[in-house]
């Protein structure tokens, strides 16, 4: 379960920022996750609750922002959103689609005291 190590990394960022920005408590962490990030969201939530127990982020809420898979359709010459990596363009049906996003996994922001 790599979600546990992801959450340990998130906690490390939180602790580093707590020192740098002098805050004592985290209330909420918003995380952007793309569908191709390879993360099981339920396992991520469980791992976050376990990893943050007894830390500066204890009782904080992990909020996941689901991002789309952004792509570029070559025949249409426009940005499109697809549901899976090898989907056709939703407008013209072409498979000449270049994936440009959807594998993100990053902290967007934190609410702190």
PDB file of N, CA and C in Angstrom:
ATOM      1  N   UNK A   1       0.848  -1.171   0.000  1.00  0.00           N
ATOM      2  CA  UNK A   1       0.000   0.000   0.000  1.00  0.00           C
ATOM      3  C   UNK A   1       0.898   1.241   0.000  1.00  0.00           C
ATOM      4  N   UNK A   2       1.110   1.831  -1.170  1.00  0.00           N
ATOM      5  CA  UNK A   2       1.974   3.006  -1.267  1.00  0.00           C
ATOM      6  C   UNK A   2       1.292   4.275  -0.785  1.00  0.00           C
ATOM      7  N   UNK A   3      -0.003   4.218  -0.549  1.00  0.00           N
ATOM      8  CA  UNK A   3      -0.716   5.379  -0.009  1.00  0.00           C
ATOM      9  C   UNK A   3      -0.158   5.792   1.353  1.00  0.00           C
ATOM     10  N   UNK A   4       0.317   4.826   2.128  1.00  0.00           N
ATOM     11  CA  UNK A   4       0.900   5.133   3.435  1.00  0.00           C
ATOM     12  C   UNK A   4       2.155   5.990   3.255  1.00  0.00           C
ATOM     13  N   UNK A   5       3.021   5.630   2.324  1.00  0.00           N
ATOM     14  CA  UNK A   5       4.234   6.431   2.109  1.00  0.00           C
ATOM     15  C   UNK A   5       3.904   7.792   1.508  1.00  0.00           C
ATOM     16  N   UNK A   6       2.861   7.870   0.707  1.00  0.00           N
ATOM     17  CA  UNK A   6       2.412   9.169   0.186  1.00  0.00           C
ATOM     18  C   UNK A   6       2.002  10.068   1.351  1.00  0.00           C
ATOM     19  N   UNK A   7       1.244   9.517   2.285  1.00  0.00           N
ATOM     20  CA  UNK A   7       0.791  10.294   3.438  1.00  0.00           C
ATOM     21  C   UNK A   7       1.947  10.673   4.354  1.00  0.00           C
ATOM     22  N   UNK A   8       2.948   9.819   4.455  1.00  0.00           N
ATOM     23  CA  UNK A   8       4.137  10.179   5.225  1.00  0.00           C
ATOM     24  C   UNK A   8       4.850  11.365   4.569  1.00  0.00           C
ATOM     25  N   UNK A   9       4.861  11.401   3.251  1.00  0.00           N
ATOM     26  CA  UNK A   9       5.435  12.537   2.527  1.00  0.00           C
ATOM     27  C   UNK A   9       4.630  13.805   2.739  1.00  0.00           C
ATOM     28  N   UNK A  10       3.305  13.678   2.734  1.00  0.00           N
ATOM     29  CA  UNK A  10       2.435  14.830   2.999  1.00  0.00           C
ATOM     30  C   UNK A  10       2.701  15.368   4.396  1.00  0.00           C
ATOM     31  N   UNK A  11       2.805  14.472   5.376  1.00  0.00           N
ATOM     32  CA  UNK A  11       3.081  14.895   6.749  1.00  0.00           C
ATOM     33  C   UNK A  11       4.440  15.591   6.838  1.00  0.00           C
ATOM     34  N   UNK A  12       5.426  15.112   6.111  1.00  0.00           N
ATOM     35  CA  UNK A  12       6.744  15.755   6.116  1.00  0.00           C
ATOM     36  C   UNK A  12       6.644  17.184   5.582  1.00  0.00           C
ATOM     37  N   UNK A  13       5.878  17.379   4.518  1.00  0.00           N
ATOM     38  CA  UNK A  13       5.674  18.725   3.973  1.00  0.00           C
ATOM     39  C   UNK A  13       4.982  19.606   5.005  1.00  0.00           C
ATOM     40  N   UNK A  14       3.953  19.072   5.656  1.00  0.00           N
ATOM     41  CA  UNK A  14       3.235  19.825   6.690  1.00  0.00           C
ATOM     42  C   UNK A  14       4.188  20.245   7.806  1.00  0.00           C
ATOM     43  N   UNK A  15       4.981  19.311   8.296  1.00  0.00           N
ATOM     44  CA  UNK A  15       5.907  19.616   9.387  1.00  0.00           C
ATOM     45  C   UNK A  15       6.974  20.625   8.963  1.00  0.00           C
ATOM     46  N   UNK A  16       7.476  20.497   7.753  1.00  0.00           N
ATOM     47  CA  UNK A  16       8.464  21.458   7.248  1.00  0.00           C
ATOM     48  C   UNK A  16       7.862  22.853   7.150  1.00  0.00           C
ATOM     49  N   UNK A  17       6.637  22.938   6.651  1.00  0.00           N
ATOM     50  CA  UNK A  17       5.973  24.234   6.520  1.00  0.00           C
ATOM     51  C   UNK A  17       5.590  24.822   7.873  1.00  0.00           C
ATOM     52  N   UNK A  18       5.282  23.972   8.844  1.00  0.00           N
ATOM     53  CA  UNK A  18       4.974  24.450  10.190  1.00  0.00           C
ATOM     54  C   UNK A  18       6.175  25.167  10.792  1.00  0.00           C
ATOM     55  N   UNK A  19       7.353  24.629  10.558  1.00  0.00           N
ATOM     56  CA  UNK A  19       8.579  25.270  11.046  1.00  0.00           C
ATOM     57  C   UNK A  19       8.835  26.561  10.269  1.00  0.00           C
ATOM     58  N   UNK A  20       8.724  26.502   8.960  1.00  0.00           N
ATOM     59  CA  UNK A  20       9.030  27.661   8.106  1.00  0.00           C
ATOM     60  C   UNK A  20       8.042  28.804   8.303  1.00  0.00           C
ATOM     61  N   UNK A  21       6.754  28.465   8.536  1.00  0.00           N
ATOM     62  CA  UNK A  21       5.723  29.500   8.597  1.00  0.00           C
ATOM     63  C   UNK A  21       5.154  29.695  10.000  1.00  0.00           C
ATOM     64  N   UNK A  22       5.682  28.977  10.965  1.00  0.00           N
ATOM     65  CA  UNK A  22       5.328  29.128  12.377  1.00  0.00           C
ATOM     66  C   UNK A  22       3.826  28.969  12.647  1.00  0.00           C
ATOM     67  N   UNK A  23       3.280  27.810  12.276  1.00  0.00           N
ATOM     68  CA  UNK A  23       1.914  27.499  12.692  1.00  0.00           C
ATOM     69  C   UNK A  23       1.926  26.261  13.564  1.00  0.00           C
ATOM     70  N   UNK A  24       0.879  26.093  14.357  1.00  0.00           N
ATOM     71  CA  UNK A  24       0.851  25.047  15.383  1.00  0.00           C
ATOM     72  C   UNK A  24      -0.157  23.937  15.119  1.00  0.00           C
ATOM     73  N   UNK A  25      -1.095  24.185  14.200  1.00  0.00           N
ATOM     74  CA  UNK A  25      -2.160  23.202  13.975  1.00  0.00           C
ATOM     75  C   UNK A  25      -2.619  23.269  12.529  1.00  0.00           C
ATOM     76  N   UNK A  26      -2.933  22.106  11.983  1.00  0.00           N
ATOM     77  CA  UNK A  26      -3.491  22.010  10.639  1.00  0.00           C
ATOM     78  C   UNK A  26      -4.944  21.572  10.761  1.00  0.00           C
ATOM     79  N   UNK A  27      -5.838  22.326  10.134  1.00  0.00           N
ATOM     80  CA  UNK A  27      -7.257  21.983  10.171  1.00  0.00           C
ATOM     81  C   UNK A  27      -7.692  21.207   8.926  1.00  0.00           C
ATOM     82  N   UNK A  28      -7.079  21.571   7.781  1.00  0.00           N
ATOM     83  CA  UNK A  28      -7.502  20.946   6.527  1.00  0.00           C
ATOM     84  C   UNK A  28      -6.347  20.954   5.534  1.00  0.00           C
ATOM     85  N   UNK A  29      -6.250  19.872   4.779  1.00  0.00           N
ATOM     86  CA  UNK A  29      -5.284  19.765   3.685  1.00  0.00           C
ATOM     87  C   UNK A  29      -6.073  19.431   2.432  1.00  0.00           C
ATOM     88  N   UNK A  30      -5.883  20.249   1.391  1.00  0.00           N
ATOM     89  CA  UNK A  30      -6.550  19.970   0.110  1.00  0.00           C
ATOM     90  C   UNK A  30      -5.510  19.414  -0.846  1.00  0.00           C
ATOM     91  N   UNK A  31      -5.821  18.250  -1.389  1.00  0.00           N
ATOM     92  CA  UNK A  31      -4.911  17.503  -2.242  1.00  0.00           C
ATOM     93  C   UNK A  31      -5.532  17.344  -3.624  1.00  0.00           C
ATOM     94  N   UNK A  32      -4.788  17.720  -4.661  1.00  0.00           N
ATOM     95  CA  UNK A  32      -5.256  17.524  -6.033  1.00  0.00           C
ATOM     96  C   UNK A  32      -4.770  16.163  -6.520  1.00  0.00           C
ATOM     97  N   UNK A  33      -5.704  15.357  -7.030  1.00  0.00           N
ATOM     98  CA  UNK A  33      -5.378  13.998  -7.475  1.00  0.00           C
ATOM     99  C   UNK A  33      -5.993  13.760  -8.851  1.00  0.00           C
ATOM    100  N   UNK A  34      -5.160  13.372  -9.784  1.00  0.00           N
ATOM    101  CA  UNK A  34      -5.637  12.998 -11.113  1.00  0.00           C
ATOM    102  C   UNK A  34      -5.978  11.520 -11.151  1.00  0.00           C
ATOM    103  N   UNK A  35      -6.864  11.112 -12.051  1.00  0.00           N
ATOM    104  CA  UNK A  35      -7.276   9.709 -12.120  1.00  0.00           C
ATOM    105  C   UNK A  35      -6.158   8.744 -12.517  1.00  0.00           C
ATOM    106  N   UNK A  36      -5.089   9.254 -13.100  1.00  0.00           N
ATOM    107  CA  UNK A  36      -3.978   8.387 -13.497  1.00  0.00           C
ATOM    108  C   UNK A  36      -2.827   8.431 -12.487  1.00  0.00           C
ATOM    109  N   UNK A  37      -3.071   8.985 -11.299  1.00  0.00           N
ATOM    110  CA  UNK A  37      -2.024   9.069 -10.278  1.00  0.00           C
ATOM    111  C   UNK A  37      -1.754   7.714  -9.628  1.00  0.00           C
ATOM    112  N   UNK A  38      -2.635   6.764  -9.829  1.00  0.00           N
ATOM    113  CA  UNK A  38      -2.433   5.432  -9.259  1.00  0.00           C
ATOM    114  C   UNK A  38      -2.676   5.386  -7.764  1.00  0.00           C
ATOM    115  N   UNK A  39      -3.628   6.184  -7.299  1.00  0.00           N
ATOM    116  CA  UNK A  39      -3.907   6.274  -5.870  1.00  0.00           C
ATOM    117  C   UNK A  39      -5.329   5.774  -5.598  1.00  0.00           C
ATOM    118  N   UNK A  40      -5.445   4.904  -4.613  1.00  0.00           N
ATOM    119  CA  UNK A  40      -6.757   4.437  -4.142  1.00  0.00           C
ATOM    120  C   UNK A  40      -7.209   5.431  -3.079  1.00  0.00           C
ATOM    121  N   UNK A  41      -8.278   6.166  -3.355  1.00  0.00           N
ATOM    122  CA  UNK A  41      -8.683   7.265  -2.483  1.00  0.00           C
ATOM    123  C   UNK A  41      -9.096   6.818  -1.084  1.00  0.00           C
ATOM    124  N   UNK A  42      -9.762   5.690  -0.965  1.00  0.00           N
ATOM    125  CA  UNK A  42     -10.142   5.194   0.367  1.00  0.00           C
ATOM    126  C   UNK A  42      -8.909   4.814   1.175  1.00  0.00           C
ATOM    127  N   UNK A  43      -7.944   4.181   0.536  1.00  0.00           N
ATOM    128  CA  UNK A  43      -6.702   3.814   1.214  1.00  0.00           C
ATOM    129  C   UNK A  43      -5.910   5.064   1.589  1.00  0.00           C
ATOM    130  N   UNK A  44      -5.966   6.087   0.738  1.00  0.00           N
ATOM    131  CA  UNK A  44      -5.283   7.336   1.025  1.00  0.00           C
ATOM    132  C   UNK A  44      -5.890   8.002   2.263  1.00  0.00           C
ATOM    133  N   UNK A  45      -7.211   8.045   2.344  1.00  0.00           N
ATOM    134  CA  UNK A  45      -7.874   8.650   3.497  1.00  0.00           C
ATOM    135  C   UNK A  45      -7.548   7.886   4.778  1.00  0.00           C
ATOM    136  N   UNK A  46      -7.612   6.575   4.716  1.00  0.00           N
ATOM    137  CA  UNK A  46      -7.291   5.739   5.879  1.00  0.00           C
ATOM    138  C   UNK A  46      -5.841   5.984   6.316  1.00  0.00           C
ATOM    139  N   UNK A  47      -4.940   5.975   5.352  1.00  0.00           N
ATOM    140  CA  UNK A  47      -3.513   6.174   5.652  1.00  0.00           C
ATOM    141  C   UNK A  47      -3.263   7.554   6.240  1.00  0.00           C
ATOM    142  N   UNK A  48      -3.938   8.554   5.726  1.00  0.00           N
ATOM    143  CA  UNK A  48      -3.771   9.919   6.241  1.00  0.00           C
ATOM    144  C   UNK A  48      -4.190   9.984   7.711  1.00  0.00           C
ATOM    145  N   UNK A  49      -5.318   9.372   8.019  1.00  0.00           N
ATOM    146  CA  UNK A  49      -5.793   9.365   9.403  1.00  0.00           C
ATOM    147  C   UNK A  49      -4.807   8.664  10.333  1.00  0.00           C
ATOM    148  N   UNK A  50      -4.207   7.580   9.873  1.00  0.00           N
ATOM    149  CA  UNK A  50      -3.244   6.828  10.685  1.00  0.00           C
ATOM    150  C   UNK A  50      -1.938   7.613  10.839  1.00  0.00           C
ATOM    151  N   UNK A  51      -1.412   8.132   9.741  1.00  0.00           N
ATOM    152  CA  UNK A  51      -0.115   8.810   9.758  1.00  0.00           C
ATOM    153  C   UNK A  51      -0.158  10.109  10.562  1.00  0.00           C
ATOM    154  N   UNK A  52      -1.269  10.827  10.513  1.00  0.00           N
ATOM    155  CA  UNK A  52      -1.339  12.125  11.188  1.00  0.00           C
ATOM    156  C   UNK A  52      -1.740  12.026  12.658  1.00  0.00           C
ATOM    157  N   UNK A  53      -2.106  10.837  13.113  1.00  0.00           N
ATOM    158  CA  UNK A  53      -2.504  10.668  14.515  1.00  0.00           C
ATOM    159  C   UNK A  53      -1.364  11.077  15.444  1.00  0.00           C
ATOM    160  N   UNK A  54      -1.674  11.971  16.398  1.00  0.00           N
ATOM    161  CA  UNK A  54      -0.685  12.417  17.366  1.00  0.00           C
ATOM    162  C   UNK A  54       0.302  13.450  16.837  1.00  0.00           C
ATOM    163  N   UNK A  55       0.033  14.023  15.664  1.00  0.00           N
ATOM    164  CA  UNK A  55       0.927  15.015  15.066  1.00  0.00           C
ATOM    165  C   UNK A  55       0.240  16.374  15.006  1.00  0.00           C
ATOM    166  N   UNK A  56       0.907  17.323  14.438  1.00  0.00           N
ATOM    167  CA  UNK A  56       0.361  18.661  14.232  1.00  0.00           C
ATOM    168  C   UNK A  56      -0.904  18.629  13.354  1.00  0.00           C
ATOM    169  N   UNK A  57      -1.066  17.575  12.578  1.00  0.00           N
ATOM    170  CA  UNK A  57      -2.215  17.441  11.677  1.00  0.00           C
ATOM    171  C   UNK A  57      -3.284  16.491  12.220  1.00  0.00           C
ATOM    172  N   UNK A  58      -3.147  16.097  13.493  1.00  0.00           N
ATOM    173  CA  UNK A  58      -4.144  15.217  14.099  1.00  0.00           C
ATOM    174  C   UNK A  58      -5.516  15.886  14.024  1.00  0.00           C
ATOM    175  N   UNK A  59      -6.518  15.150  13.636  1.00  0.00           N
ATOM    176  CA  UNK A  59      -7.903  15.615  13.489  1.00  0.00           C
ATOM    177  C   UNK A  59      -8.108  16.565  12.309  1.00  0.00           C
ATOM    178  N   UNK A  60      -7.090  16.741  11.474  1.00  0.00           N
ATOM    179  CA  UNK A  60      -7.286  17.570  10.283  1.00  0.00           C
ATOM    180  C   UNK A  60      -8.068  16.775   9.244  1.00  0.00           C
ATOM    181  N   UNK A  61      -8.678  17.494   8.338  1.00  0.00           N
ATOM    182  CA  UNK A  61      -9.478  16.863   7.287  1.00  0.00           C
ATOM    183  C   UNK A  61      -8.674  16.838   5.994  1.00  0.00           C
ATOM    184  N   UNK A  62      -8.626  15.676   5.367  1.00  0.00           N
ATOM    185  CA  UNK A  62      -8.009  15.557   4.049  1.00  0.00           C
ATOM    186  C   UNK A  62      -9.117  15.692   3.019  1.00  0.00           C
ATOM    187  N   UNK A  63      -9.007  16.694   2.178  1.00  0.00           N
ATOM    188  CA  UNK A  63     -10.008  16.952   1.146  1.00  0.00           C
ATOM    189  C   UNK A  63      -9.365  16.701  -0.211  1.00  0.00           C
ATOM    190  N   UNK A  64      -9.961  15.816  -0.995  1.00  0.00           N
ATOM    191  CA  UNK A  64      -9.408  15.463  -2.301  1.00  0.00           C
ATOM    192  C   UNK A  64     -10.155  16.212  -3.397  1.00  0.00           C
ATOM    193  N   UNK A  65      -9.391  16.869  -4.251  1.00  0.00           N
ATOM    194  CA  UNK A  65      -9.935  17.545  -5.425  1.00  0.00           C
ATOM    195  C   UNK A  65      -9.595  16.664  -6.621  1.00  0.00           C
ATOM    196  N   UNK A  66     -10.614  16.083  -7.232  1.00  0.00           N
ATOM    197  CA  UNK A  66     -10.405  15.199  -8.376  1.00  0.00           C
ATOM    198  C   UNK A  66     -10.198  16.026  -9.637  1.00  0.00           C
ATOM    199  N   UNK A  67      -9.078  15.798 -10.294  1.00  0.00           N
ATOM    200  CA  UNK A  67      -8.756  16.508 -11.524  1.00  0.00           C
ATOM    201  C   UNK A  67      -9.115  15.657 -12.734  1.00  0.00           C
ATOM    202  N   UNK A  68      -9.391  16.284 -13.865  1.00  0.00           N
ATOM    203  CA  UNK A  68      -9.695  15.530 -15.084  1.00  0.00           C
ATOM    204  C   UNK A  68      -8.417  15.089 -15.801  1.00  0.00           C
ATOM    205  N   UNK A  69      -8.587  14.260 -16.808  1.00  0.00           N
ATOM    206  CA  UNK A  69      -7.476  13.910 -17.696  1.00  0.00           C
ATOM    207  C   UNK A  69      -7.541  14.887 -18.870  1.00  0.00           C
ATOM    208  N   UNK A  70      -6.639  15.842 -18.859  1.00  0.00           N
ATOM    209  CA  UNK A  70      -6.577  16.820 -19.942  1.00  0.00           C
ATOM    210  C   UNK A  70      -5.772  16.250 -21.096  1.00  0.00           C
ATOM    211  N   UNK A  71      -6.229  16.547 -22.314  1.00  0.00           N
ATOM    212  CA  UNK A  71      -5.548  16.045 -23.502  1.00  0.00           C
ATOM    213  C   UNK A  71      -5.638  17.077 -24.620  1.00  0.00           C
ATOM    214  N   UNK A  72      -4.841  16.845 -25.641  1.00  0.00           N
ATOM    215  CA  UNK A  72      -4.840  17.687 -26.828  1.00  0.00           C
ATOM    216  C   UNK A  72      -5.199  16.807 -28.015  1.00  0.00           C
ATOM    217  N   UNK A  73      -6.282  17.154 -28.697  1.00  0.00           N
ATOM    218  CA  UNK A  73      -6.685  16.414 -29.901  1.00  0.00           C
ATOM    219  C   UNK A  73      -5.997  17.059 -31.099  1.00  0.00           C
ATOM    220  N   UNK A  74      -5.185  16.277 -31.792  1.00  0.00           N
ATOM    221  CA  UNK A  74      -4.443  16.820 -32.927  1.00  0.00           C
ATOM    222  C   UNK A  74      -5.348  17.210 -34.093  1.00  0.00           C
ATOM    223  N   UNK A  75      -6.291  16.357 -34.530  1.00  0.00           N
ATOM    224  CA  UNK A  75      -7.164  16.758 -35.638  1.00  0.00           C
ATOM    225  C   UNK A  75      -8.049  17.962 -35.300  1.00  0.00           C
ATOM    226  N   UNK A  76      -8.553  18.038 -34.075  1.00  0.00           N
ATOM    227  CA  UNK A  76      -9.407  19.168 -33.676  1.00  0.00           C
ATOM    228  C   UNK A  76      -8.583  20.408 -33.343  1.00  0.00           C
ATOM    229  N   UNK A  77      -7.313  20.194 -33.002  1.00  0.00           N
ATOM    230  CA  UNK A  77      -6.429  21.279 -32.565  1.00  0.00           C
ATOM    231  C   UNK A  77      -7.022  22.028 -31.381  1.00  0.00           C
ATOM    232  N   UNK A  78      -7.495  21.234 -30.403  1.00  0.00           N
ATOM    233  CA  UNK A  78      -8.057  21.856 -29.201  1.00  0.00           C
ATOM    234  C   UNK A  78      -7.881  20.952 -27.986  1.00  0.00           C
ATOM    235  N   UNK A  79      -7.993  21.587 -26.835  1.00  0.00           N
ATOM    236  CA  UNK A  79      -7.905  20.875 -25.564  1.00  0.00           C
ATOM    237  C   UNK A  79      -9.221  20.146 -25.314  1.00  0.00           C
ATOM    238  N   UNK A  80      -9.113  18.881 -24.880  1.00  0.00           N
ATOM    239  CA  UNK A  80     -10.292  18.075 -24.564  1.00  0.00           C
ATOM    240  C   UNK A  80     -10.054  17.350 -23.241  1.00  0.00           C
ATOM    241  N   UNK A  81     -11.114  16.820 -22.692  1.00  0.00           N
ATOM    242  CA  UNK A  81     -11.038  16.014 -21.478  1.00  0.00           C
ATOM    243  C   UNK A  81     -11.492  14.608 -21.839  1.00  0.00           C
ATOM    244  N   UNK A  82     -10.671  13.609 -21.464  1.00  0.00           N
ATOM    245  CA  UNK A  82     -11.021  12.211 -21.711  1.00  0.00           C
ATOM    246  C   UNK A  82     -11.167  11.497 -20.377  1.00  0.00           C
ATOM    247  N   UNK A  83     -11.802  10.343 -20.398  1.00  0.00           N
ATOM    248  CA  UNK A  83     -12.038   9.604 -19.152  1.00  0.00           C
ATOM    249  C   UNK A  83     -10.923   8.629 -18.818  1.00  0.00           C
ATOM    250  N   UNK A  84     -10.244   8.101 -19.856  1.00  0.00           N
ATOM    251  CA  UNK A  84      -9.144   7.157 -19.664  1.00  0.00           C
ATOM    252  C   UNK A  84      -8.037   7.457 -20.655  1.00  0.00           C
ATOM    253  N   UNK A  85      -6.851   6.905 -20.370  1.00  0.00           N
ATOM    254  CA  UNK A  85      -5.651   7.206 -21.158  1.00  0.00           C
ATOM    255  C   UNK A  85      -5.830   7.003 -22.662  1.00  0.00           C
ATOM    256  N   UNK A  86      -6.447   5.932 -23.101  1.00  0.00           N
ATOM    257  CA  UNK A  86      -6.503   5.626 -24.530  1.00  0.00           C
ATOM    258  C   UNK A  86      -7.867   5.924 -25.149  1.00  0.00           C
ATOM    259  N   UNK A  87      -8.640   6.777 -24.515  1.00  0.00           N
ATOM    260  CA  UNK A  87      -9.938   7.167 -25.076  1.00  0.00           C
ATOM    261  C   UNK A  87      -9.753   8.009 -26.332  1.00  0.00           C
ATOM    262  N   UNK A  88     -10.768   7.953 -27.171  1.00  0.00           N
ATOM    263  CA  UNK A  88     -10.794   8.798 -28.366  1.00  0.00           C
ATOM    264  C   UNK A  88     -11.250  10.207 -27.983  1.00  0.00           C
ATOM    265  N   UNK A  89     -11.004  11.131 -28.864  1.00  0.00           N
ATOM    266  CA  UNK A  89     -11.465  12.503 -28.669  1.00  0.00           C
ATOM    267  C   UNK A  89     -12.990  12.490 -28.545  1.00  0.00           C
ATOM    268  N   UNK A  90     -13.537  13.136 -27.530  1.00  0.00           N
ATOM    269  CA  UNK A  90     -14.986  13.152 -27.365  1.00  0.00           C
ATOM    270  C   UNK A  90     -15.699  13.967 -28.445  1.00  0.00           C
ATOM    271  N   UNK A  91     -14.969  14.809 -29.180  1.00  0.00           N
ATOM    272  CA  UNK A  91     -15.591  15.637 -30.217  1.00  0.00           C
ATOM    273  C   UNK A  91     -15.556  14.994 -31.602  1.00  0.00           C
ATOM    274  N   UNK A  92     -14.366  14.502 -32.015  1.00  0.00           N
ATOM    275  CA  UNK A  92     -14.242  13.984 -33.381  1.00  0.00           C
ATOM    276  C   UNK A  92     -14.044  12.473 -33.464  1.00  0.00           C
ATOM    277  N   UNK A  93     -13.760  11.819 -32.329  1.00  0.00           N
ATOM    278  CA  UNK A  93     -13.577  10.372 -32.318  1.00  0.00           C
ATOM    279  C   UNK A  93     -12.171   9.912 -32.682  1.00  0.00           C
ATOM    280  N   UNK A  94     -11.262  10.835 -32.955  1.00  0.00           N
ATOM    281  CA  UNK A  94      -9.891  10.476 -33.313  1.00  0.00           C
ATOM    282  C   UNK A  94      -9.141   9.931 -32.097  1.00  0.00           C
ATOM    283  N   UNK A  95      -8.204   9.015 -32.401  1.00  0.00           N
ATOM    284  CA  UNK A  95      -7.336   8.494 -31.348  1.00  0.00           C
ATOM    285  C   UNK A  95      -5.982   9.204 -31.345  1.00  0.00           C
ATOM    286  N   UNK A  96      -5.855  10.261 -32.120  1.00  0.00           N
ATOM    287  CA  UNK A  96      -4.629  11.067 -32.116  1.00  0.00           C
ATOM    288  C   UNK A  96      -4.755  12.113 -31.011  1.00  0.00           C
ATOM    289  N   UNK A  97      -4.716  11.604 -29.783  1.00  0.00           N
ATOM    290  CA  UNK A  97      -4.917  12.433 -28.597  1.00  0.00           C
ATOM    291  C   UNK A  97      -3.672  12.326 -27.728  1.00  0.00           C
ATOM    292  N   UNK A  98      -3.128  13.469 -27.363  1.00  0.00           N
ATOM    293  CA  UNK A  98      -1.946  13.525 -26.498  1.00  0.00           C
ATOM    294  C   UNK A  98      -2.384  13.899 -25.088  1.00  0.00           C
ATOM    295  N   UNK A  99      -2.082  13.041 -24.132  1.00  0.00           N
ATOM    296  CA  UNK A  99      -2.438  13.280 -22.734  1.00  0.00           C
ATOM    297  C   UNK A  99      -1.489  14.332 -22.148  1.00  0.00           C
ATOM    298  N   UNK A 100      -2.063  15.351 -21.508  1.00  0.00           N
ATOM    299  CA  UNK A 100      -1.258  16.435 -20.927  1.00  0.00           C
ATOM    300  C   UNK A 100      -1.414  16.547 -19.413  1.00  0.00           C
ATOM    301  N   UNK A 101      -2.350  15.849 -18.839  1.00  0.00           N
ATOM    302  CA  UNK A 101      -2.563  15.941 -17.394  1.00  0.00           C
ATOM    303  C   UNK A 101      -3.460  14.816 -16.933  1.00  0.00           C
ATOM    304  N   UNK A 102      -3.520  14.638 -15.640  1.00  0.00           N
ATOM    305  CA  UNK A 102      -4.348  13.581 -15.081  1.00  0.00           C
ATOM    306  C   UNK A 102      -3.579  12.674 -14.142  1.00  0.00           C
ATOM    307  N   UNK A 103      -2.257  12.874 -14.059  1.00  0.00           N
ATOM    308  CA  UNK A 103      -1.443  12.056 -13.161  1.00  0.00           C
ATOM    309  C   UNK A 103      -0.944  12.863 -11.957  1.00  0.00           C
ATOM    310  N   UNK A 104      -1.554  14.027 -11.737  1.00  0.00           N
ATOM    311  CA  UNK A 104      -1.119  14.903 -10.655  1.00  0.00           C
ATOM    312  C   UNK A 104      -1.431  14.312  -9.282  1.00  0.00           C
ATOM    313  N   UNK A 105      -0.574  14.633  -8.334  1.00  0.00           N
ATOM    314  CA  UNK A 105      -0.776  14.304  -6.935  1.00  0.00           C
ATOM    315  C   UNK A 105      -0.003  15.351  -6.153  1.00  0.00           C
ATOM    316  N   UNK A 106      -0.681  16.401  -5.734  1.00  0.00           N
ATOM    317  CA  UNK A 106       0.010  17.507  -5.080  1.00  0.00           C
ATOM    318  C   UNK A 106      -0.893  18.184  -4.046  1.00  0.00           C
ATOM    319  N   UNK A 107      -0.231  18.768  -3.067  1.00  0.00           N
ATOM    320  CA  UNK A 107      -0.942  19.551  -2.056  1.00  0.00           C
ATOM    321  C   UNK A 107      -1.301  20.883  -2.692  1.00  0.00           C
ATOM    322  N   UNK A 108      -2.588  21.191  -2.709  1.00  0.00           N
ATOM    323  CA  UNK A 108      -3.028  22.485  -3.244  1.00  0.00           C
ATOM    324  C   UNK A 108      -2.857  23.575  -2.198  1.00  0.00           C
ATOM    325  N   UNK A 109      -3.384  23.324  -0.994  1.00  0.00           N
ATOM    326  CA  UNK A 109      -3.246  24.293   0.093  1.00  0.00           C
ATOM    327  C   UNK A 109      -3.599  23.635   1.413  1.00  0.00           C
ATOM    328  N   UNK A 110      -3.362  24.391   2.493  1.00  0.00           N
ATOM    329  CA  UNK A 110      -3.661  23.916   3.851  1.00  0.00           C
ATOM    330  C   UNK A 110      -4.325  25.042   4.623  1.00  0.00           C
ATOM    331  N   UNK A 111      -5.259  24.677   5.488  1.00  0.00           N
ATOM    332  CA  UNK A 111      -5.836  25.627   6.422  1.00  0.00           C
ATOM    333  C   UNK A 111      -5.178  25.356   7.773  1.00  0.00           C
ATOM    334  N   UNK A 112      -4.549  26.385   8.331  1.00  0.00           N
ATOM    335  CA  UNK A 112      -3.749  26.215   9.540  1.00  0.00           C
ATOM    336  C   UNK A 112      -4.100  27.264  10.595  1.00  0.00           C
ATOM    337  N   UNK A 113      -3.664  27.007  11.802  1.00  0.00           N
ATOM    338  CA  UNK A 113      -3.758  27.966  12.923  1.00  0.00           C
ATOM    339  C   UNK A 113      -2.369  28.220  13.434  1.00  0.00           C
TER     340      UNK A 113
END
